[in-house]
C-alpha atoms as a PDB file:
ATOM      1  CA  UNK A   1      44.601  -2.185  95.914  1.00  0.00           C
ATOM      2  CA  UNK A   2      44.758  -3.324  99.556  1.00  0.00           C
ATOM      3  CA  UNK A   3      43.872  -0.636 102.073  1.00  0.00           C
ATOM      4  CA  UNK A   4      46.586   0.854 104.302  1.00  0.00           C
ATOM      5  CA  UNK A   5      49.394  -0.705 102.155  1.00  0.00           C
ATOM      6  CA  UNK A   6      52.668   1.223 101.993  1.00  0.00           C
ATOM      7  CA  UNK A   7      54.893   1.235  98.955  1.00  0.00           C
ATOM      8  CA  UNK A   8      56.110   2.884  95.775  1.00  0.00           C
ATOM      9  CA  UNK A   9      53.675   3.936  93.055  1.00  0.00           C
ATOM     10  CA  UNK A  10      53.564   5.482  89.589  1.00  0.00           C
ATOM     11  CA  UNK A  11      51.014   7.837  88.052  1.00  0.00           C
ATOM     12  CA  UNK A  12      51.011   7.233  84.295  1.00  0.00           C
ATOM     13  CA  UNK A  13      49.638   9.573  81.637  1.00  0.00           C
ATOM     14  CA  UNK A  14      48.451   7.040  79.063  1.00  0.00           C
ATOM     15  CA  UNK A  15      48.286   9.734  76.372  1.00  0.00           C
ATOM     16  CA  UNK A  16      51.944  10.744  76.562  1.00  0.00           C
ATOM     17  CA  UNK A  17      53.564   7.817  78.371  1.00  0.00           C
ATOM     18  CA  UNK A  18      54.992  10.189  81.010  1.00  0.00           C
ATOM     19  CA  UNK A  19      55.192   9.034  84.639  1.00  0.00           C
ATOM     20  CA  UNK A  20      55.335  10.398  88.142  1.00  0.00           C
ATOM     21  CA  UNK A  21      56.909   8.113  90.778  1.00  0.00           C
ATOM     22  CA  UNK A  22      56.343   8.514  94.503  1.00  0.00           C
ATOM     23  CA  UNK A  23      55.981   6.576  97.744  1.00  0.00           C
ATOM     24  CA  UNK A  24      53.491   6.602 100.592  1.00  0.00           C
ATOM     25  CA  UNK A  25      52.662   4.856 103.837  1.00  0.00           C
ATOM     26  CA  UNK A  26      49.076   4.497 102.605  1.00  0.00           C
ATOM     27  CA  UNK A  27      48.877   4.129  98.819  1.00  0.00           C
ATOM     28  CA  UNK A  28      45.107   4.417  98.586  1.00  0.00           C
ATOM     29  CA  UNK A  29      44.957   7.647 100.582  1.00  0.00           C
ATOM     30  CA  UNK A  30      47.907   9.101  98.649  1.00  0.00           C
ATOM     31  CA  UNK A  31      46.228   8.478  95.267  1.00  0.00           C
ATOM     32  CA  UNK A  32      43.002  10.052  96.523  1.00  0.00           C
ATOM     33  CA  UNK A  33      44.999  13.068  97.716  1.00  0.00           C
ATOM     34  CA  UNK A  34      46.721  13.424  94.328  1.00  0.00           C
ATOM     35  CA  UNK A  35      43.378  13.327  92.492  1.00  0.00           C
ATOM     36  CA  UNK A  36      41.788  15.875  94.814  1.00  0.00           C
ATOM     37  CA  UNK A  37      44.616  18.384  94.260  1.00  0.00           C
ATOM     38  CA  UNK A  38      44.764  17.757  90.499  1.00  0.00           C
ATOM     39  CA  UNK A  39      41.005  18.141  90.029  1.00  0.00           C
ATOM     40  CA  UNK A  40      41.148  21.400  91.972  1.00  0.00           C
ATOM     41  CA  UNK A  41      44.047  22.625  89.831  1.00  0.00           C
ATOM     42  CA  UNK A  42      46.229  23.140  92.905  1.00  0.00           C
ATOM     43  CA  UNK A  43      48.760  20.290  92.702  1.00  0.00           C
ATOM     44  CA  UNK A  44      52.279  21.357  93.664  1.00  0.00           C
ATOM     45  CA  UNK A  45      53.785  19.503  90.693  1.00  0.00           C
ATOM     46  CA  UNK A  46      53.062  22.001  87.917  1.00  0.00           C
ATOM     47  CA  UNK A  47      54.080  19.702  85.073  1.00  0.00           C
ATOM     48  CA  UNK A  48      51.760  16.930  86.264  1.00  0.00           C
ATOM     49  CA  UNK A  49      48.987  19.474  86.821  1.00  0.00           C
ATOM     50  CA  UNK A  50      49.407  20.864  83.301  1.00  0.00           C
ATOM     51  CA  UNK A  51      49.094  17.409  81.744  1.00  0.00           C
ATOM     52  CA  UNK A  52      46.108  16.497  83.957  1.00  0.00           C
ATOM     53  CA  UNK A  53      44.304  19.692  82.972  1.00  0.00           C
ATOM     54  CA  UNK A  54      45.156  19.214  79.297  1.00  0.00           C
ATOM     55  CA  UNK A  55      44.255  15.529  78.899  1.00  0.00           C
ATOM     56  CA  UNK A  56      41.779  14.889  81.737  1.00  0.00           C
ATOM     57  CA  UNK A  57      41.550  12.376  84.571  1.00  0.00           C
ATOM     58  CA  UNK A  58      40.600   9.498  82.274  1.00  0.00           C
ATOM     59  CA  UNK A  59      44.070   9.691  80.684  1.00  0.00           C
ATOM     60  CA  UNK A  60      45.805   8.765  83.951  1.00  0.00           C
ATOM     61  CA  UNK A  61      46.279   5.477  85.776  1.00  0.00           C
ATOM     62  CA  UNK A  62      47.699   4.620  89.192  1.00  0.00           C
ATOM     63  CA  UNK A  63      50.045   1.637  89.500  1.00  0.00           C
ATOM     64  CA  UNK A  64      51.609   0.095  92.603  1.00  0.00           C
ATOM     65  CA  UNK A  65      55.228  -0.629  91.668  1.00  0.00           C
ATOM     66  CA  UNK A  66      56.143  -2.342  94.921  1.00  0.00           C
ATOM     67  CA  UNK A  67      54.676  -2.769  98.401  1.00  0.00           C
ATOM     68  CA  UNK A  68      57.368  -2.240 101.041  1.00  0.00           C
ATOM     69  CA  UNK A  69      57.556  -1.339 104.725  1.00  0.00           C
ATOM     70  CA  UNK A  70      57.624   2.340 105.625  1.00  0.00           C
ATOM     71  CA  UNK A  71      61.290   2.147 106.620  1.00  0.00           C
ATOM     72  CA  UNK A  72      62.313   1.233 103.056  1.00  0.00           C
ATOM     73  CA  UNK A  73      60.149   3.729 101.173  1.00  0.00           C
ATOM     74  CA  UNK A  74      62.868   6.284 100.402  1.00  0.00           C
ATOM     75  CA  UNK A  75      65.359   3.633  99.291  1.00  0.00           C
ATOM     76  CA  UNK A  76      62.876   1.855  96.988  1.00  0.00           C
ATOM     77  CA  UNK A  77      61.465   5.104  95.601  1.00  0.00           C
ATOM     78  CA  UNK A  78      65.007   6.150  94.688  1.00  0.00           C
ATOM     79  CA  UNK A  79      65.480   2.790  92.947  1.00  0.00           C
ATOM     80  CA  UNK A  80      62.407   3.245  90.745  1.00  0.00           C
ATOM     81  CA  UNK A  81      63.128   6.917  90.009  1.00  0.00           C
ATOM     82  CA  UNK A  82      66.583   5.953  88.739  1.00  0.00           C
ATOM     83  CA  UNK A  83      65.230   2.940  86.853  1.00  0.00           C
ATOM     84  CA  UNK A  84      62.256   4.624  85.140  1.00  0.00           C
ATOM     85  CA  UNK A  85      63.495   8.252  84.892  1.00  0.00           C
ATOM     86  CA  UNK A  86      59.916   9.536  85.337  1.00  0.00           C
ATOM     87  CA  UNK A  87      59.315  12.710  83.343  1.00  0.00           C
ATOM     88  CA  UNK A  88      57.001  14.376  85.862  1.00  0.00           C
ATOM     89  CA  UNK A  89      59.303  14.095  88.880  1.00  0.00           C
ATOM     90  CA  UNK A  90      60.786  17.438  89.845  1.00  0.00           C
ATOM     91  CA  UNK A  91      63.907  15.943  91.437  1.00  0.00           C
ATOM     92  CA  UNK A  92      66.014  13.147  89.856  1.00  0.00           C
ATOM     93  CA  UNK A  93      66.479  11.344  93.198  1.00  0.00           C
ATOM     94  CA  UNK A  94      63.789  10.736  95.799  1.00  0.00           C
ATOM     95  CA  UNK A  95      63.925  12.796  99.019  1.00  0.00           C
ATOM     96  CA  UNK A  96      66.494  15.236  97.545  1.00  0.00           C
ATOM     97  CA  UNK A  97      65.611  18.903  98.205  1.00  0.00           C
ATOM     98  CA  UNK A  98      64.156  20.682  95.180  1.00  0.00           C
ATOM     99  CA  UNK A  99      66.304  23.550  93.936  1.00  0.00           C
ATOM    100  CA  UNK A 100      64.737  24.320  90.587  1.00  0.00           C
ATOM    101  CA  UNK A 101      61.422  23.228  89.107  1.00  0.00           C
ATOM    102  CA  UNK A 102      61.733  20.943  86.107  1.00  0.00           C
ATOM    103  CA  UNK A 103      59.599  21.919  83.129  1.00  0.00           C
ATOM    104  CA  UNK A 104      58.175  19.089  81.033  1.00  0.00           C
ATOM    105  CA  UNK A 105      55.948  20.714  78.443  1.00  0.00           C
ATOM    106  CA  UNK A 106      56.075  24.458  79.110  1.00  0.00           C
ATOM    107  CA  UNK A 107      59.763  25.233  78.577  1.00  0.00           C
ATOM    108  CA  UNK A 108      60.464  26.729  75.152  1.00  0.00           C
ATOM    109  CA  UNK A 109      63.957  27.511  73.872  1.00  0.00           C
ATOM    110  CA  UNK A 110      63.784  30.553  71.601  1.00  0.00           C
ATOM    111  CA  UNK A 111      66.250  31.029  68.773  1.00  0.00           C
ATOM    112  CA  UNK A 112      68.109  34.234  68.007  1.00  0.00           C
ATOM    113  CA  UNK A 113      65.680  37.019  67.183  1.00  0.00           C
ATOM    114  CA  UNK A 114      62.623  34.959  68.093  1.00  0.00           C
ATOM    115  CA  UNK A 115      62.134  36.576  71.488  1.00  0.00           C
ATOM    116  CA  UNK A 116      61.478  40.074  70.137  1.00  0.00           C
ATOM    117  CA  UNK A 117      59.188  38.663  67.436  1.00  0.00           C
ATOM    118  CA  UNK A 118      57.209  36.723  70.033  1.00  0.00           C
ATOM    119  CA  UNK A 119      56.898  39.787  72.245  1.00  0.00           C
ATOM    120  CA  UNK A 120      55.497  41.818  69.343  1.00  0.00           C
ATOM    121  CA  UNK A 121      53.098  39.011  68.429  1.00  0.00           C
ATOM    122  CA  UNK A 122      51.863  38.753  72.027  1.00  0.00           C
ATOM    123  CA  UNK A 123      51.414  42.505  72.235  1.00  0.00           C
ATOM    124  CA  UNK A 124      49.263  42.462  69.086  1.00  0.00           C
ATOM    125  CA  UNK A 125      47.072  39.714  70.597  1.00  0.00           C
ATOM    126  CA  UNK A 126      46.964  41.348  74.051  1.00  0.00           C
ATOM    127  CA  UNK A 127      48.165  38.069  75.564  1.00  0.00           C
ATOM    128  CA  UNK A 128      51.128  37.039  77.689  1.00  0.00           C
ATOM    129  CA  UNK A 129      53.943  34.922  76.245  1.00  0.00           C
ATOM    130  CA  UNK A 130      52.881  32.053  78.516  1.00  0.00           C
ATOM    131  CA  UNK A 131      49.313  32.134  77.174  1.00  0.00           C
ATOM    132  CA  UNK A 132      50.449  32.163  73.546  1.00  0.00           C
ATOM    133  CA  UNK A 133      53.027  29.397  74.001  1.00  0.00           C
ATOM    134  CA  UNK A 134      50.647  27.124  75.934  1.00  0.00           C
ATOM    135  CA  UNK A 135      47.909  27.599  73.312  1.00  0.00           C
ATOM    136  CA  UNK A 136      50.412  26.707  70.585  1.00  0.00           C
ATOM    137  CA  UNK A 137      51.531  23.610  72.515  1.00  0.00           C
ATOM    138  CA  UNK A 138      47.926  22.536  73.037  1.00  0.00           C
ATOM    139  CA  UNK A 139      47.240  22.793  69.292  1.00  0.00           C
ATOM    140  CA  UNK A 140      50.471  20.944  68.500  1.00  0.00           C
ATOM    141  CA  UNK A 141      49.708  18.092  70.886  1.00  0.00           C
ATOM    142  CA  UNK A 142      46.191  17.743  69.477  1.00  0.00           C
ATOM    143  CA  UNK A 143      47.594  17.427  65.952  1.00  0.00           C
ATOM    144  CA  UNK A 144      50.479  15.050  66.560  1.00  0.00           C
ATOM    145  CA  UNK A 145      51.465  12.169  68.825  1.00  0.00           C
ATOM    146  CA  UNK A 146      50.299  13.372  72.216  1.00  0.00           C
ATOM    147  CA  UNK A 147      46.590  13.141  71.445  1.00  0.00           C
ATOM    148  CA  UNK A 148      46.232  11.024  68.287  1.00  0.00           C
ATOM    149  CA  UNK A 149      42.537  10.245  68.832  1.00  0.00           C
ATOM    150  CA  UNK A 150      39.646  12.487  69.826  1.00  0.00           C
ATOM    151  CA  UNK A 151      36.191  11.247  70.758  1.00  0.00           C
ATOM    152  CA  UNK A 152      33.404  13.667  69.900  1.00  0.00           C
ATOM    153  CA  UNK A 153      29.716  13.377  70.768  1.00  0.00           C
ATOM    154  CA  UNK A 154      27.696  15.321  68.216  1.00  0.00           C
ATOM    155  CA  UNK A 155      24.181  15.374  66.719  1.00  0.00           C
ATOM    156  CA  UNK A 156      22.818  14.438  63.309  1.00  0.00           C
ATOM    157  CA  UNK A 157      19.209  14.000  62.182  1.00  0.00           C
ATOM    158  CA  UNK A 158      17.962  14.280  65.756  1.00  0.00           C
ATOM    159  CA  UNK A 159      20.287  11.518  66.974  1.00  0.00           C
ATOM    160  CA  UNK A 160      23.437  11.523  69.097  1.00  0.00           C
ATOM    161  CA  UNK A 161      26.518  10.339  67.197  1.00  0.00           C
ATOM    162  CA  UNK A 162      29.866   9.369  68.721  1.00  0.00           C
ATOM    163  CA  UNK A 163      32.820  10.026  66.397  1.00  0.00           C
ATOM    164  CA  UNK A 164      36.445   8.977  66.620  1.00  0.00           C
ATOM    165  CA  UNK A 165      38.721  11.551  64.979  1.00  0.00           C
ATOM    166  CA  UNK A 166      42.358  10.794  64.212  1.00  0.00           C
ATOM    167  CA  UNK A 167      44.192  13.292  62.028  1.00  0.00           C
ATOM    168  CA  UNK A 168      42.085  13.654  58.897  1.00  0.00           C
ATOM    169  CA  UNK A 169      40.158  10.412  59.517  1.00  0.00           C
ATOM    170  CA  UNK A 170      36.727  10.228  61.154  1.00  0.00           C
ATOM    171  CA  UNK A 171      34.973   7.033  62.226  1.00  0.00           C
ATOM    172  CA  UNK A 172      31.387   6.639  63.504  1.00  0.00           C
ATOM    173  CA  UNK A 173      31.453   4.532  66.683  1.00  0.00           C
ATOM    174  CA  UNK A 174      27.846   4.759  67.863  1.00  0.00           C
ATOM    175  CA  UNK A 175      24.465   6.295  67.055  1.00  0.00           C
ATOM    176  CA  UNK A 176      22.004   6.872  69.912  1.00  0.00           C
ATOM    177  CA  UNK A 177      18.349   7.908  69.885  1.00  0.00           C
ATOM    178  CA  UNK A 178      17.392  10.805  72.118  1.00  0.00           C
ATOM    179  CA  UNK A 179      15.577   8.617  74.615  1.00  0.00           C
ATOM    180  CA  UNK A 180      15.800  10.752  77.719  1.00  0.00           C
ATOM    181  CA  UNK A 181      19.130   9.462  79.017  1.00  0.00           C
ATOM    182  CA  UNK A 182      20.992  12.405  80.641  1.00  0.00           C
ATOM    183  CA  UNK A 183      23.790  13.676  78.427  1.00  0.00           C
ATOM    184  CA  UNK A 184      26.286  13.600  81.311  1.00  0.00           C
ATOM    185  CA  UNK A 185      25.495   9.921  81.936  1.00  0.00           C
ATOM    186  CA  UNK A 186      26.025   9.023  78.291  1.00  0.00           C
ATOM    187  CA  UNK A 187      29.233  11.054  78.165  1.00  0.00           C
ATOM    188  CA  UNK A 188      30.608   9.323  81.277  1.00  0.00           C
ATOM    189  CA  UNK A 189      29.649   5.917  79.898  1.00  0.00           C
ATOM    190  CA  UNK A 190      31.588   6.491  76.673  1.00  0.00           C
ATOM    191  CA  UNK A 191      34.539   7.984  78.589  1.00  0.00           C
ATOM    192  CA  UNK A 192      34.822   4.791  80.661  1.00  0.00           C
ATOM    193  CA  UNK A 193      34.395   2.558  77.615  1.00  0.00           C
ATOM    194  CA  UNK A 194      37.065   4.264  75.499  1.00  0.00           C
ATOM    195  CA  UNK A 195      39.194   5.463  78.449  1.00  0.00           C
ATOM    196  CA  UNK A 196      39.383   8.968  77.008  1.00  0.00           C
ATOM    197  CA  UNK A 197      37.658  12.341  77.397  1.00  0.00           C
ATOM    198  CA  UNK A 198      34.485  12.796  75.332  1.00  0.00           C
ATOM    199  CA  UNK A 199      34.145  16.203  73.692  1.00  0.00           C
ATOM    200  CA  UNK A 200      30.768  17.749  72.934  1.00  0.00           C
ATOM    201  CA  UNK A 201      29.822  19.372  69.628  1.00  0.00           C
ATOM    202  CA  UNK A 202      26.030  19.683  69.870  1.00  0.00           C
ATOM    203  CA  UNK A 203      23.507  21.545  67.784  1.00  0.00           C
ATOM    204  CA  UNK A 204      22.175  24.796  69.187  1.00  0.00           C
ATOM    205  CA  UNK A 205      18.650  23.411  69.547  1.00  0.00           C
ATOM    206  CA  UNK A 206      19.752  20.347  71.501  1.00  0.00           C
ATOM    207  CA  UNK A 207      18.662  20.285  75.140  1.00  0.00           C
ATOM    208  CA  UNK A 208      20.558  17.762  77.314  1.00  0.00           C
END
């Protein structure tokens, strides 16, 4: 990506296929700013933040859609928003004032009688409705299309084993000896290789 370039960009969640489209006078700085806010959990786009927190940074890519002069940014951003209908954008048209936040994954439409049942269920668990609904969504996504594969680093017979889990299927991808390589380094290496978060399920006696 050339430094100081201005243009229109997309942030793509490779796990869900959802996009965020924006524009900036400096694309490189804008992407760095997005990542800083998202990693801190303080991004103003709550839907994008929710997905980033749920799936992790490795599930997102940054793509330059078009390099244009600063005077054409709003016009070209509007073009791509209308063309791609990005799910994470809060407003349907670029530069239009936001009147109501768009919910992507946290809006739940309750049927007749469900609301009182949910309230009673939450009361029994001592949790808010938001907590219960988001936990249920997380479990649903993990089971179905939004996160079809999980990569798990575990231990067996004093060795590190990388597993790929998809539904009821489990595949062994790698077996590593405990040769002093820091666990975080190995985890990052696999995350880059498979472009996905690596979960840890280690034995209690394992010392990274």
